[in-house]
C-alpha cells in the first residue's frame, strides 16, 4: 500500500510537472502569438500608410503630367505659328529676289541693246 501511495505520489508529481511545463509552454506561445498579432497589426497600419502615400504621389504625378502636357501643347502651337511666319517671310523673300532678278535681267538686256 505504501509503495502504491509512493508510486501514485511520484506519478502525481510527474503529472503536475508536465502540467506546469505545458502551462509555461502555453504562456510562451500566447505571448509569442500576442507579439505576432501586435507586429502584424503594426505592419498592416504601415502598409495602409504607405498605400495612402503612393495614392497621393500617383495623383500628384498625374496632375503634373497633365500640366506638362498642356504646356507642351501650348508650346507646340506657338512654335508651329513661328514656323509658319518664317515660311511666309522666306516665300516673300524668294518673291522679292525673283523680282529683283527679273529687273536685273531687264536692265542688262536694256544695256546690251543700247
PDB file of N, CA and C in Angstrom:
ATOM      1  N   UNK A   1       0.828  -1.180   0.000  1.00  0.00           N
ATOM      2  CA  UNK A   1       0.000   0.000   0.000  1.00  0.00           C
ATOM      3  C   UNK A   1       0.882   1.257   0.000  1.00  0.00           C
ATOM      4  N   UNK A   2       1.935   1.160   0.829  1.00  0.00           N
ATOM      5  CA  UNK A   2       2.864   2.278   0.905  1.00  0.00           C
ATOM      6  C   UNK A   2       3.531   2.484  -0.460  1.00  0.00           C
ATOM      7  N   UNK A   3       3.889   1.416  -1.136  1.00  0.00           N
ATOM      8  CA  UNK A   3       4.531   1.513  -2.452  1.00  0.00           C
ATOM      9  C   UNK A   3       3.571   2.108  -3.470  1.00  0.00           C
ATOM     10  N   UNK A   4       2.315   1.692  -3.373  1.00  0.00           N
ATOM     11  CA  UNK A   4       1.312   2.253  -4.282  1.00  0.00           C
ATOM     12  C   UNK A   4       1.147   3.732  -4.024  1.00  0.00           C
ATOM     13  N   UNK A   5       1.139   4.115  -2.762  1.00  0.00           N
ATOM     14  CA  UNK A   5       0.990   5.501  -2.382  1.00  0.00           C
ATOM     15  C   UNK A   5       2.188   6.310  -2.890  1.00  0.00           C
ATOM     16  N   UNK A   6       3.378   5.759  -2.750  1.00  0.00           N
ATOM     17  CA  UNK A   6       4.586   6.435  -3.219  1.00  0.00           C
ATOM     18  C   UNK A   6       4.579   6.516  -4.747  1.00  0.00           C
ATOM     19  N   UNK A   7       4.144   5.453  -5.393  1.00  0.00           N
ATOM     20  CA  UNK A   7       4.086   5.437  -6.851  1.00  0.00           C
ATOM     21  C   UNK A   7       3.077   6.474  -7.338  1.00  0.00           C
ATOM     22  N   UNK A   8       1.905   6.505  -6.642  1.00  0.00           N
ATOM     23  CA  UNK A   8       0.886   7.478  -7.009  1.00  0.00           C
ATOM     24  C   UNK A   8       1.403   8.898  -6.769  1.00  0.00           C
ATOM     25  N   UNK A   9       2.067   9.101  -5.656  1.00  0.00           N
ATOM     26  CA  UNK A   9       2.614  10.404  -5.314  1.00  0.00           C
ATOM     27  C   UNK A   9       3.658  10.811  -6.358  1.00  0.00           C
ATOM     28  N   UNK A  10       4.488   9.856  -6.725  1.00  0.00           N
ATOM     29  CA  UNK A  10       5.511  10.106  -7.741  1.00  0.00           C
ATOM     30  C   UNK A  10       4.843  10.402  -9.088  1.00  0.00           C
ATOM     31  N   UNK A  11       3.823   9.637  -9.402  1.00  0.00           N
ATOM     32  CA  UNK A  11       3.083   9.828 -10.643  1.00  0.00           C
ATOM     33  C   UNK A  11       2.396  11.187 -10.653  1.00  0.00           C
ATOM     34  N   UNK A  12       1.801  11.560  -9.507  1.00  0.00           N
ATOM     35  CA  UNK A  12       1.155  12.876  -9.397  1.00  0.00           C
ATOM     36  C   UNK A  12       2.180  13.991  -9.567  1.00  0.00           C
ATOM     37  N   UNK A  13       3.346  13.822  -8.987  1.00  0.00           N
ATOM     38  CA  UNK A  13       4.410  14.832  -9.096  1.00  0.00           C
ATOM     39  C   UNK A  13       4.837  14.981 -10.557  1.00  0.00           C
ATOM     40  N   UNK A  14       4.980  13.849 -11.221  1.00  0.00           N
ATOM     41  CA  UNK A  14       5.358  13.883 -12.638  1.00  0.00           C
ATOM     42  C   UNK A  14       4.264  14.571 -13.454  1.00  0.00           C
ATOM     43  N   UNK A  15       3.009  14.194 -13.166  1.00  0.00           N
ATOM     44  CA  UNK A  15       1.877  14.776 -13.875  1.00  0.00           C
ATOM     45  C   UNK A  15       1.811  16.290 -13.630  1.00  0.00           C
ATOM     46  N   UNK A  16       1.994  16.725 -12.379  1.00  0.00           N
ATOM     47  CA  UNK A  16       1.978  18.160 -12.069  1.00  0.00           C
ATOM     48  C   UNK A  16       3.130  18.881 -12.762  1.00  0.00           C
ATOM     49  N   UNK A  17       4.270  18.252 -12.824  1.00  0.00           N
ATOM     50  CA  UNK A  17       5.421  18.849 -13.514  1.00  0.00           C
ATOM     51  C   UNK A  17       5.110  19.005 -15.003  1.00  0.00           C
ATOM     52  N   UNK A  18       4.487  17.984 -15.586  1.00  0.00           N
ATOM     53  CA  UNK A  18       4.127  18.061 -17.005  1.00  0.00           C
ATOM     54  C   UNK A  18       3.070  19.148 -17.235  1.00  0.00           C
ATOM     55  N   UNK A  19       2.101  19.222 -16.335  1.00  0.00           N
ATOM     56  CA  UNK A  19       1.063  20.256 -16.453  1.00  0.00           C
ATOM     57  C   UNK A  19       1.686  21.639 -16.353  1.00  0.00           C
ATOM     58  N   UNK A  20       2.607  21.826 -15.391  1.00  0.00           N
ATOM     59  CA  UNK A  20       3.289  23.104 -15.217  1.00  0.00           C
ATOM     60  C   UNK A  20       4.076  23.458 -16.481  1.00  0.00           C
ATOM     61  N   UNK A  21       4.783  22.458 -17.038  1.00  0.00           N
ATOM     62  CA  UNK A  21       5.554  22.679 -18.269  1.00  0.00           C
ATOM     63  C   UNK A  21       4.635  23.109 -19.410  1.00  0.00           C
ATOM     64  N   UNK A  22       3.491  22.428 -19.539  1.00  0.00           N
ATOM     65  CA  UNK A  22       2.545  22.746 -20.601  1.00  0.00           C
ATOM     66  C   UNK A  22       1.947  24.140 -20.418  1.00  0.00           C
ATOM     67  N   UNK A  23       1.665  24.505 -19.158  1.00  0.00           N
ATOM     68  CA  UNK A  23       1.159  25.848 -18.878  1.00  0.00           C
ATOM     69  C   UNK A  23       2.196  26.898 -19.267  1.00  0.00           C
ATOM     70  N   UNK A  24       3.451  26.637 -18.873  1.00  0.00           N
ATOM     71  CA  UNK A  24       4.529  27.574 -19.223  1.00  0.00           C
ATOM     72  C   UNK A  24       4.674  27.671 -20.748  1.00  0.00           C
ATOM     73  N   UNK A  25       4.608  26.522 -21.393  1.00  0.00           N
ATOM     74  CA  UNK A  25       4.703  26.482 -22.866  1.00  0.00           C
ATOM     75  C   UNK A  25       3.534  27.260 -23.478  1.00  0.00           C
ATOM     76  N   UNK A  26       2.321  27.044 -22.952  1.00  0.00           N
ATOM     77  CA  UNK A  26       1.144  27.768 -23.441  1.00  0.00           C
ATOM     78  C   UNK A  26       1.286  29.268 -23.224  1.00  0.00           C
ATOM     79  N   UNK A  27       1.832  29.661 -22.065  1.00  0.00           N
ATOM     80  CA  UNK A  27       2.045  31.081 -21.788  1.00  0.00           C
ATOM     81  C   UNK A  27       3.041  31.688 -22.769  1.00  0.00           C
ATOM     82  N   UNK A  28       4.148  30.949 -23.039  1.00  0.00           N
ATOM     83  CA  UNK A  28       5.139  31.427 -24.012  1.00  0.00           C
ATOM     84  C   UNK A  28       4.506  31.557 -25.395  1.00  0.00           C
ATOM     85  N   UNK A  29       3.746  30.527 -25.789  1.00  0.00           N
ATOM     86  CA  UNK A  29       3.096  30.575 -27.093  1.00  0.00           C
ATOM     87  C   UNK A  29       2.073  31.703 -27.179  1.00  0.00           C
ATOM     88  N   UNK A  30       1.347  31.928 -26.087  1.00  0.00           N
ATOM     89  CA  UNK A  30       0.368  33.014 -26.046  1.00  0.00           C
ATOM     90  C   UNK A  30       1.064  34.359 -26.198  1.00  0.00           C
ATOM     91  N   UNK A  31       2.198  34.531 -25.492  1.00  0.00           N
ATOM     92  CA  UNK A  31       2.959  35.778 -25.613  1.00  0.00           C
ATOM     93  C   UNK A  31       3.490  35.954 -27.027  1.00  0.00           C
ATOM     94  N   UNK A  32       4.001  34.866 -27.608  1.00  0.00           N
ATOM     95  CA  UNK A  32       4.505  34.941 -28.988  1.00  0.00           C
ATOM     96  C   UNK A  32       3.375  35.302 -29.952  1.00  0.00           C
ATOM     97  N   UNK A  33       2.204  34.700 -29.737  1.00  0.00           N
ATOM     98  CA  UNK A  33       1.051  34.993 -30.581  1.00  0.00           C
ATOM     99  C   UNK A  33       0.628  36.452 -30.431  1.00  0.00           C
ATOM    100  N   UNK A  34       0.611  36.961 -29.189  1.00  0.00           N
ATOM    101  CA  UNK A  34       0.253  38.354 -28.967  1.00  0.00           C
ATOM    102  C   UNK A  34       1.257  39.288 -29.640  1.00  0.00           C
ATOM    103  N   UNK A  35       2.537  38.947 -29.509  1.00  0.00           N
ATOM    104  CA  UNK A  35       3.578  39.751 -30.171  1.00  0.00           C
ATOM    105  C   UNK A  35       3.413  39.714 -31.685  1.00  0.00           C
ATOM    106  N   UNK A  36       3.134  38.529 -32.201  1.00  0.00           N
ATOM    107  CA  UNK A  36       2.944  38.382 -33.649  1.00  0.00           C
ATOM    108  C   UNK A  36       1.727  39.184 -34.110  1.00  0.00           C
ATOM    109  N   UNK A  37       0.633  39.125 -33.346  1.00  0.00           N
ATOM    110  CA  UNK A  37      -0.566  39.886 -33.698  1.00  0.00           C
ATOM    111  C   UNK A  37      -0.295  41.383 -33.648  1.00  0.00           C
ATOM    112  N   UNK A  38       0.438  41.800 -32.626  1.00  0.00           N
ATOM    113  CA  UNK A  38       0.789  43.213 -32.499  1.00  0.00           C
ATOM    114  C   UNK A  38       1.662  43.654 -33.675  1.00  0.00           C
ATOM    115  N   UNK A  39       2.645  42.830 -34.016  1.00  0.00           N
ATOM    116  CA  UNK A  39       3.524  43.134 -35.145  1.00  0.00           C
ATOM    117  C   UNK A  39       2.722  43.181 -36.438  1.00  0.00           C
ATOM    118  N   UNK A  40       1.838  42.226 -36.625  1.00  0.00           N
ATOM    119  CA  UNK A  40       1.012  42.177 -37.830  1.00  0.00           C
ATOM    120  C   UNK A  40       0.134  43.423 -37.929  1.00  0.00           C
ATOM    121  N   UNK A  41      -0.473  43.800 -36.817  1.00  0.00           N
ATOM    122  CA  UNK A  41      -1.319  44.992 -36.795  1.00  0.00           C
ATOM    123  C   UNK A  41      -0.496  46.231 -37.146  1.00  0.00           C
ATOM    124  N   UNK A  42       0.698  46.300 -36.598  1.00  0.00           N
ATOM    125  CA  UNK A  42       1.590  47.420 -36.883  1.00  0.00           C
ATOM    126  C   UNK A  42       1.968  47.444 -38.363  1.00  0.00           C
ATOM    127  N   UNK A  43       2.272  46.279 -38.912  1.00  0.00           N
ATOM    128  CA  UNK A  43       2.642  46.185 -40.331  1.00  0.00           C
ATOM    129  C   UNK A  43       1.459  46.557 -41.231  1.00  0.00           C
ATOM    130  N   UNK A  44       0.247  46.141 -40.842  1.00  0.00           N
ATOM    131  CA  UNK A  44      -0.939  46.485 -41.624  1.00  0.00           C
ATOM    132  C   UNK A  44      -1.155  47.997 -41.648  1.00  0.00           C
ATOM    133  N   UNK A  45      -0.940  48.652 -40.501  1.00  0.00           N
ATOM    134  CA  UNK A  45      -1.072  50.105 -40.432  1.00  0.00           C
ATOM    135  C   UNK A  45      -0.025  50.765 -41.322  1.00  0.00           C
ATOM    136  N   UNK A  46       1.191  50.234 -41.286  1.00  0.00           N
ATOM    137  CA  UNK A  46       2.274  50.778 -42.116  1.00  0.00           C
ATOM    138  C   UNK A  46       1.951  50.616 -43.596  1.00  0.00           C
ATOM    139  N   UNK A  47       1.418  49.461 -43.970  1.00  0.00           N
ATOM    140  CA  UNK A  47       1.035  49.218 -45.369  1.00  0.00           C
ATOM    141  C   UNK A  47      -0.054  50.206 -45.780  1.00  0.00           C
ATOM    142  N   UNK A  48      -1.036  50.422 -44.921  1.00  0.00           N
ATOM    143  CA  UNK A  48      -2.100  51.373 -45.236  1.00  0.00           C
ATOM    144  C   UNK A  48      -1.537  52.784 -45.400  1.00  0.00           C
ATOM    145  N   UNK A  49      -0.616  53.150 -44.520  1.00  0.00           N
ATOM    146  CA  UNK A  49       0.012  54.477 -44.604  1.00  0.00           C
ATOM    147  C   UNK A  49       0.790  54.623 -45.913  1.00  0.00           C
ATOM    148  N   UNK A  50       1.544  53.576 -46.254  1.00  0.00           N
ATOM    149  CA  UNK A  50       2.322  53.616 -47.499  1.00  0.00           C
ATOM    150  C   UNK A  50       1.407  53.633 -48.725  1.00  0.00           C
ATOM    151  N   UNK A  51       0.291  52.909 -48.665  1.00  0.00           N
ATOM    152  CA  UNK A  51      -0.676  52.934 -49.772  1.00  0.00           C
ATOM    153  C   UNK A  51      -1.242  54.339 -49.952  1.00  0.00           C
ATOM    154  N   UNK A  52      -1.533  55.002 -48.839  1.00  0.00           N
ATOM    155  CA  UNK A  52      -2.023  56.382 -48.912  1.00  0.00           C
ATOM    156  C   UNK A  52      -0.986  57.294 -49.563  1.00  0.00           C
ATOM    157  N   UNK A  53       0.272  57.112 -49.179  1.00  0.00           N
ATOM    158  CA  UNK A  53       1.350  57.922 -49.753  1.00  0.00           C
ATOM    159  C   UNK A  53       1.466  57.653 -51.249  1.00  0.00           C
ATOM    160  N   UNK A  54       1.421  56.374 -51.630  1.00  0.00           N
ATOM    161  CA  UNK A  54       1.525  56.015 -53.056  1.00  0.00           C
ATOM    162  C   UNK A  54       0.356  56.615 -53.838  1.00  0.00           C
ATOM    163  N   UNK A  55      -0.850  56.522 -53.281  1.00  0.00           N
ATOM    164  CA  UNK A  55      -2.015  57.107 -53.951  1.00  0.00           C
ATOM    165  C   UNK A  55      -1.847  58.615 -54.130  1.00  0.00           C
ATOM    166  N   UNK A  56      -1.360  59.272 -53.076  1.00  0.00           N
ATOM    167  CA  UNK A  56      -1.159  60.721 -53.148  1.00  0.00           C
ATOM    168  C   UNK A  56      -0.109  61.061 -54.211  1.00  0.00           C
ATOM    169  N   UNK A  57       0.986  60.313 -54.219  1.00  0.00           N
ATOM    170  CA  UNK A  57       2.042  60.565 -55.213  1.00  0.00           C
ATOM    171  C   UNK A  57       1.548  60.295 -56.628  1.00  0.00           C
ATOM    172  N   UNK A  58       0.738  59.254 -56.795  1.00  0.00           N
ATOM    173  CA  UNK A  58       0.190  58.943 -58.116  1.00  0.00           C
ATOM    174  C   UNK A  58      -0.708  60.077 -58.600  1.00  0.00           C
ATOM    175  N   UNK A  59      -1.528  60.607 -57.695  1.00  0.00           N
ATOM    176  CA  UNK A  59      -2.408  61.722 -58.053  1.00  0.00           C
ATOM    177  C   UNK A  59      -1.585  62.954 -58.414  1.00  0.00           C
ATOM    178  N   UNK A  60      -0.582  63.253 -57.593  1.00  0.00           N
ATOM    179  CA  UNK A  60       0.281  64.408 -57.877  1.00  0.00           C
ATOM    180  C   UNK A  60       0.997  64.237 -59.212  1.00  0.00           C
ATOM    181  N   UNK A  61       1.504  63.041 -59.463  1.00  0.00           N
ATOM    182  CA  UNK A  61       2.209  62.773 -60.718  1.00  0.00           C
ATOM    183  C   UNK A  61       1.278  62.942 -61.903  1.00  0.00           C
ATOM    184  N   UNK A  62       0.072  62.437 -61.766  1.00  0.00           N
ATOM    185  CA  UNK A  62      -0.910  62.557 -62.846  1.00  0.00           C
ATOM    186  C   UNK A  62      -1.227  64.026 -63.118  1.00  0.00           C
ATOM    187  N   UNK A  63      -1.417  64.801 -62.053  1.00  0.00           N
ATOM    188  CA  UNK A  63      -1.695  66.228 -62.215  1.00  0.00           C
ATOM    189  C   UNK A  63      -0.528  66.952 -62.873  1.00  0.00           C
ATOM    190  N   UNK A  64       0.686  66.630 -62.442  1.00  0.00           N
ATOM    191  CA  UNK A  64       1.867  67.268 -63.030  1.00  0.00           C
ATOM    192  C   UNK A  64       2.021  66.882 -64.493  1.00  0.00           C
ATOM    193  N   UNK A  65       1.744  65.628 -64.810  1.00  0.00           N
ATOM    194  CA  UNK A  65       1.830  65.175 -66.202  1.00  0.00           C
ATOM    195  C   UNK A  65       0.817  65.908 -67.072  1.00  0.00           C
ATOM    196  N   UNK A  66      -0.403  66.056 -66.579  1.00  0.00           N
ATOM    197  CA  UNK A  66      -1.420  66.770 -67.356  1.00  0.00           C
ATOM    198  C   UNK A  66      -1.009  68.228 -67.565  1.00  0.00           C
ATOM    199  N   UNK A  67      -0.441  68.859 -66.530  1.00  0.00           N
ATOM    200  CA  UNK A  67       0.017  70.247 -66.660  1.00  0.00           C
ATOM    201  C   UNK A  67       1.153  70.340 -67.673  1.00  0.00           C
ATOM    202  N   UNK A  68       2.059  69.387 -67.614  1.00  0.00           N
ATOM    203  CA  UNK A  68       3.182  69.375 -68.555  1.00  0.00           C
ATOM    204  C   UNK A  68       2.695  69.160 -69.987  1.00  0.00           C
ATOM    205  N   UNK A  69       1.731  68.274 -70.165  1.00  0.00           N
ATOM    206  CA  UNK A  69       1.163  68.046 -71.498  1.00  0.00           C
ATOM    207  C   UNK A  69       0.520  69.322 -72.029  1.00  0.00           C
ATOM    208  N   UNK A  70      -0.159  70.077 -71.164  1.00  0.00           N
ATOM    209  CA  UNK A  70      -0.775  71.336 -71.577  1.00  0.00           C
ATOM    210  C   UNK A  70       0.296  72.339 -72.008  1.00  0.00           C
ATOM    211  N   UNK A  71       1.390  72.407 -71.250  1.00  0.00           N
ATOM    212  CA  UNK A  71       2.494  73.311 -71.605  1.00  0.00           C
ATOM    213  C   UNK A  71       3.088  72.911 -72.947  1.00  0.00           C
ATOM    214  N   UNK A  72       3.293  71.620 -73.151  1.00  0.00           N
ATOM    215  CA  UNK A  72       3.873  71.136 -74.412  1.00  0.00           C
ATOM    216  C   UNK A  72       2.939  71.471 -75.576  1.00  0.00           C
ATOM    217  N   UNK A  73       1.641  71.257 -75.394  1.00  0.00           N
ATOM    218  CA  UNK A  73       0.683  71.583 -76.467  1.00  0.00           C
ATOM    219  C   UNK A  73       0.738  73.071 -76.803  1.00  0.00           C
ATOM    220  N   UNK A  74       0.776  73.903 -75.758  1.00  0.00           N
ATOM    221  CA  UNK A  74       0.828  75.352 -75.967  1.00  0.00           C
ATOM    222  C   UNK A  74       2.103  75.745 -76.705  1.00  0.00           C
ATOM    223  N   UNK A  75       3.214  75.177 -76.288  1.00  0.00           N
ATOM    224  CA  UNK A  75       4.486  75.492 -76.957  1.00  0.00           C
ATOM    225  C   UNK A  75       4.494  74.995 -78.391  1.00  0.00           C
ATOM    226  N   UNK A  76       3.926  73.821 -78.627  1.00  0.00           N
ATOM    227  CA  UNK A  76       3.865  73.298 -79.997  1.00  0.00           C
ATOM    228  C   UNK A  76       3.072  74.236 -80.896  1.00  0.00           C
ATOM    229  N   UNK A  77       1.951  74.742 -80.375  1.00  0.00           N
ATOM    230  CA  UNK A  77       1.142  75.684 -81.155  1.00  0.00           C
ATOM    231  C   UNK A  77       1.949  76.950 -81.434  1.00  0.00           C
ATOM    232  N   UNK A  78       2.635  77.446 -80.410  1.00  0.00           N
ATOM    233  CA  UNK A  78       3.450  78.657 -80.560  1.00  0.00           C
ATOM    234  C   UNK A  78       4.541  78.458 -81.616  1.00  0.00           C
ATOM    235  N   UNK A  79       5.276  77.334 -81.503  1.00  0.00           N
ATOM    236  CA  UNK A  79       6.368  77.089 -82.448  1.00  0.00           C
ATOM    237  C   UNK A  79       5.846  76.834 -83.858  1.00  0.00           C
ATOM    238  N   UNK A  80       4.689  76.220 -83.970  1.00  0.00           N
ATOM    239  CA  UNK A  80       4.100  75.997 -85.287  1.00  0.00           C
ATOM    240  C   UNK A  80       3.765  77.336 -85.934  1.00  0.00           C
ATOM    241  N   UNK A  81       3.220  78.266 -85.129  1.00  0.00           N
ATOM    242  CA  UNK A  81       2.924  79.599 -85.649  1.00  0.00           C
ATOM    243  C   UNK A  81       4.194  80.311 -86.082  1.00  0.00           C
ATOM    244  N   UNK A  82       5.252  80.185 -85.274  1.00  0.00           N
ATOM    245  CA  UNK A  82       6.531  80.822 -85.621  1.00  0.00           C
ATOM    246  C   UNK A  82       7.085  80.242 -86.929  1.00  0.00           C
ATOM    247  N   UNK A  83       6.979  78.930 -87.093  1.00  0.00           N
ATOM    248  CA  UNK A  83       7.465  78.284 -88.316  1.00  0.00           C
ATOM    249  C   UNK A  83       6.671  78.791 -89.516  1.00  0.00           C
ATOM    250  N   UNK A  84       5.346  78.890 -89.364  1.00  0.00           N
ATOM    251  CA  UNK A  84       4.519  79.400 -90.464  1.00  0.00           C
ATOM    252  C   UNK A  84       4.886  80.838 -90.800  1.00  0.00           C
ATOM    253  N   UNK A  85       5.157  81.661 -89.773  1.00  0.00           N
ATOM    254  CA  UNK A  85       5.581  83.040 -90.009  1.00  0.00           C
ATOM    255  C   UNK A  85       6.912  83.075 -90.766  1.00  0.00           C
ATOM    256  N   UNK A  86       7.860  82.208 -90.344  1.00  0.00           N
ATOM    257  CA  UNK A  86       9.160  82.160 -91.019  1.00  0.00           C
ATOM    258  C   UNK A  86       9.013  81.692 -92.462  1.00  0.00           C
ATOM    259  N   UNK A  87       8.137  80.715 -92.691  1.00  0.00           N
ATOM    260  CA  UNK A  87       7.900  80.249 -94.060  1.00  0.00           C
ATOM    261  C   UNK A  87       7.327  81.371 -94.916  1.00  0.00           C
ATOM    262  N   UNK A  88       6.408  82.138 -94.355  1.00  0.00           N
ATOM    263  CA  UNK A  88       5.824  83.265 -95.091  1.00  0.00           C
ATOM    264  C   UNK A  88       6.897  84.292 -95.428  1.00  0.00           C
ATOM    265  N   UNK A  89       7.796  84.571 -94.486  1.00  0.00           N
ATOM    266  CA  UNK A  89       8.891  85.523 -94.724  1.00  0.00           C
ATOM    267  C   UNK A  89       9.803  84.997 -95.830  1.00  0.00           C
ATOM    268  N   UNK A  90      10.129  83.696 -95.778  1.00  0.00           N
ATOM    269  CA  UNK A  90      11.004  83.101 -96.805  1.00  0.00           C
ATOM    270  C   UNK A  90      10.344  83.183 -98.181  1.00  0.00           C
ATOM    271  N   UNK A  91       9.057  82.883 -98.241  1.00  0.00           N
ATOM    272  CA  UNK A  91       8.332  82.963 -99.510  1.00  0.00           C
ATOM    273  C   UNK A  91       8.357  84.396-100.032  1.00  0.00           C
ATOM    274  N   UNK A  92       8.139  85.350 -99.145  1.00  0.00           N
ATOM    275  CA  UNK A  92       8.179  86.766 -99.552  1.00  0.00           C
ATOM    276  C   UNK A  92       9.567  87.141-100.050  1.00  0.00           C
ATOM    277  N   UNK A  93      10.613  86.682 -99.345  1.00  0.00           N
ATOM    278  CA  UNK A  93      11.991  86.996 -99.768  1.00  0.00           C
ATOM    279  C   UNK A  93      12.282  86.364-101.128  1.00  0.00           C
ATOM    280  N   UNK A  94      11.803  85.133-101.324  1.00  0.00           N
ATOM    281  CA  UNK A  94      12.002  84.482-102.624  1.00  0.00           C
ATOM    282  C   UNK A  94      11.318  85.282-103.735  1.00  0.00           C
ATOM    283  N   UNK A  95      10.124  85.731-103.443  1.00  0.00           N
ATOM    284  CA  UNK A  95       9.381  86.526-104.421  1.00  0.00           C
ATOM    285  C   UNK A  95      10.129  87.827-104.710  1.00  0.00           C
ATOM    286  N   UNK A  96      10.612  88.506-103.661  1.00  0.00           N
ATOM    287  CA  UNK A  96      11.379  89.743-103.838  1.00  0.00           C
ATOM    288  C   UNK A  96      12.649  89.482-104.636  1.00  0.00           C
ATOM    289  N   UNK A  97      13.332  88.382-104.340  1.00  0.00           N
ATOM    290  CA  UNK A  97      14.559  88.037-105.046  1.00  0.00           C
ATOM    291  C   UNK A  97      14.277  87.769-106.522  1.00  0.00           C
ATOM    292  N   UNK A  98      13.226  87.043-106.819  1.00  0.00           N
ATOM    293  CA  UNK A  98      12.868  86.762-108.214  1.00  0.00           C
ATOM    294  C   UNK A  98      12.529  88.057-108.951  1.00  0.00           C
ATOM    295  N   UNK A  99      11.844  88.952-108.258  1.00  0.00           N
ATOM    296  CA  UNK A  99      11.502  90.248-108.849  1.00  0.00           C
ATOM    297  C   UNK A  99      12.771  91.031-109.158  1.00  0.00           C
ATOM    298  N   UNK A 100      13.699  91.038-108.217  1.00  0.00           N
ATOM    299  CA  UNK A 100      14.977  91.732-108.439  1.00  0.00           C
ATOM    300  C   UNK A 100      15.761  91.091-109.582  1.00  0.00           C
ATOM    301  N   UNK A 101      15.729  89.765-109.648  1.00  0.00           N
ATOM    302  CA  UNK A 101      16.422  89.069-110.735  1.00  0.00           C
ATOM    303  C   UNK A 101      15.854  89.495-112.090  1.00  0.00           C
ATOM    304  N   UNK A 102      14.537  89.559-112.182  1.00  0.00           N
ATOM    305  CA  UNK A 102      13.901  89.958-113.439  1.00  0.00           C
ATOM    306  C   UNK A 102      14.286  91.394-113.804  1.00  0.00           C
ATOM    307  N   UNK A 103      14.350  92.273-112.795  1.00  0.00           N
ATOM    308  CA  UNK A 103      14.743  93.664-113.062  1.00  0.00           C
ATOM    309  C   UNK A 103      16.182  93.743-113.535  1.00  0.00           C
ATOM    310  N   UNK A 104      17.059  92.932-112.901  1.00  0.00           N
ATOM    311  CA  UNK A 104      18.477  92.928-113.304  1.00  0.00           C
ATOM    312  C   UNK A 104      18.592  92.428-114.735  1.00  0.00           C
ATOM    313  N   UNK A 105      17.879  91.341-115.055  1.00  0.00           N
ATOM    314  CA  UNK A 105      17.919  90.793-116.411  1.00  0.00           C
ATOM    315  C   UNK A 105      17.394  91.829-117.395  1.00  0.00           C
ATOM    316  N   UNK A 106      16.314  92.507-117.032  1.00  0.00           N
ATOM    317  CA  UNK A 106      15.747  93.517-117.919  1.00  0.00           C
ATOM    318  C   UNK A 106      16.724  94.669-118.107  1.00  0.00           C
ATOM    319  N   UNK A 107      17.384  95.103-117.033  1.00  0.00           N
ATOM    320  CA  UNK A 107      18.364  96.187-117.153  1.00  0.00           C
ATOM    321  C   UNK A 107      19.563  95.768-118.001  1.00  0.00           C
ATOM    322  N   UNK A 108      19.989  94.517-117.822  1.00  0.00           N
ATOM    323  CA  UNK A 108      21.130  94.024-118.608  1.00  0.00           C
ATOM    324  C   UNK A 108      20.752  93.952-120.083  1.00  0.00           C
ATOM    325  N   UNK A 109      19.546  93.524-120.380  1.00  0.00           N
ATOM    326  CA  UNK A 109      19.098  93.456-121.779  1.00  0.00           C
ATOM    327  C   UNK A 109      19.009  94.862-122.370  1.00  0.00           C
ATOM    328  N   UNK A 110      18.530  95.790-121.533  1.00  0.00           N
ATOM    329  CA  UNK A 110      18.410  97.184-121.979  1.00  0.00           C
ATOM    330  C   UNK A 110      19.782  97.762-122.273  1.00  0.00           C
ATOM    331  N   UNK A 111      20.766  97.466-121.432  1.00  0.00           N
ATOM    332  CA  UNK A 111      22.138  97.959-121.610  1.00  0.00           C
ATOM    333  C   UNK A 111      22.763  97.364-122.843  1.00  0.00           C
ATOM    334  N   UNK A 112      22.493  96.095-123.077  1.00  0.00           N
ATOM    335  CA  UNK A 112      23.097  95.460-124.255  1.00  0.00           C
ATOM    336  C   UNK A 112      22.458  95.963-125.522  1.00  0.00           C
ATOM    337  N   UNK A 113      21.234  96.390-125.471  1.00  0.00           N
ATOM    338  CA  UNK A 113      20.560  96.922-126.649  1.00  0.00           C
ATOM    339  C   UNK A 113      21.052  98.335-126.974  1.00  0.00           C
ATOM    340  N   UNK A 114      21.512  99.039-126.016  1.00  0.00           N
ATOM    341  CA  UNK A 114      21.962 100.413-126.229  1.00  0.00           C
ATOM    342  C   UNK A 114      23.282 100.438-126.820  1.00  0.00           C
TER     343      UNK A 114
END
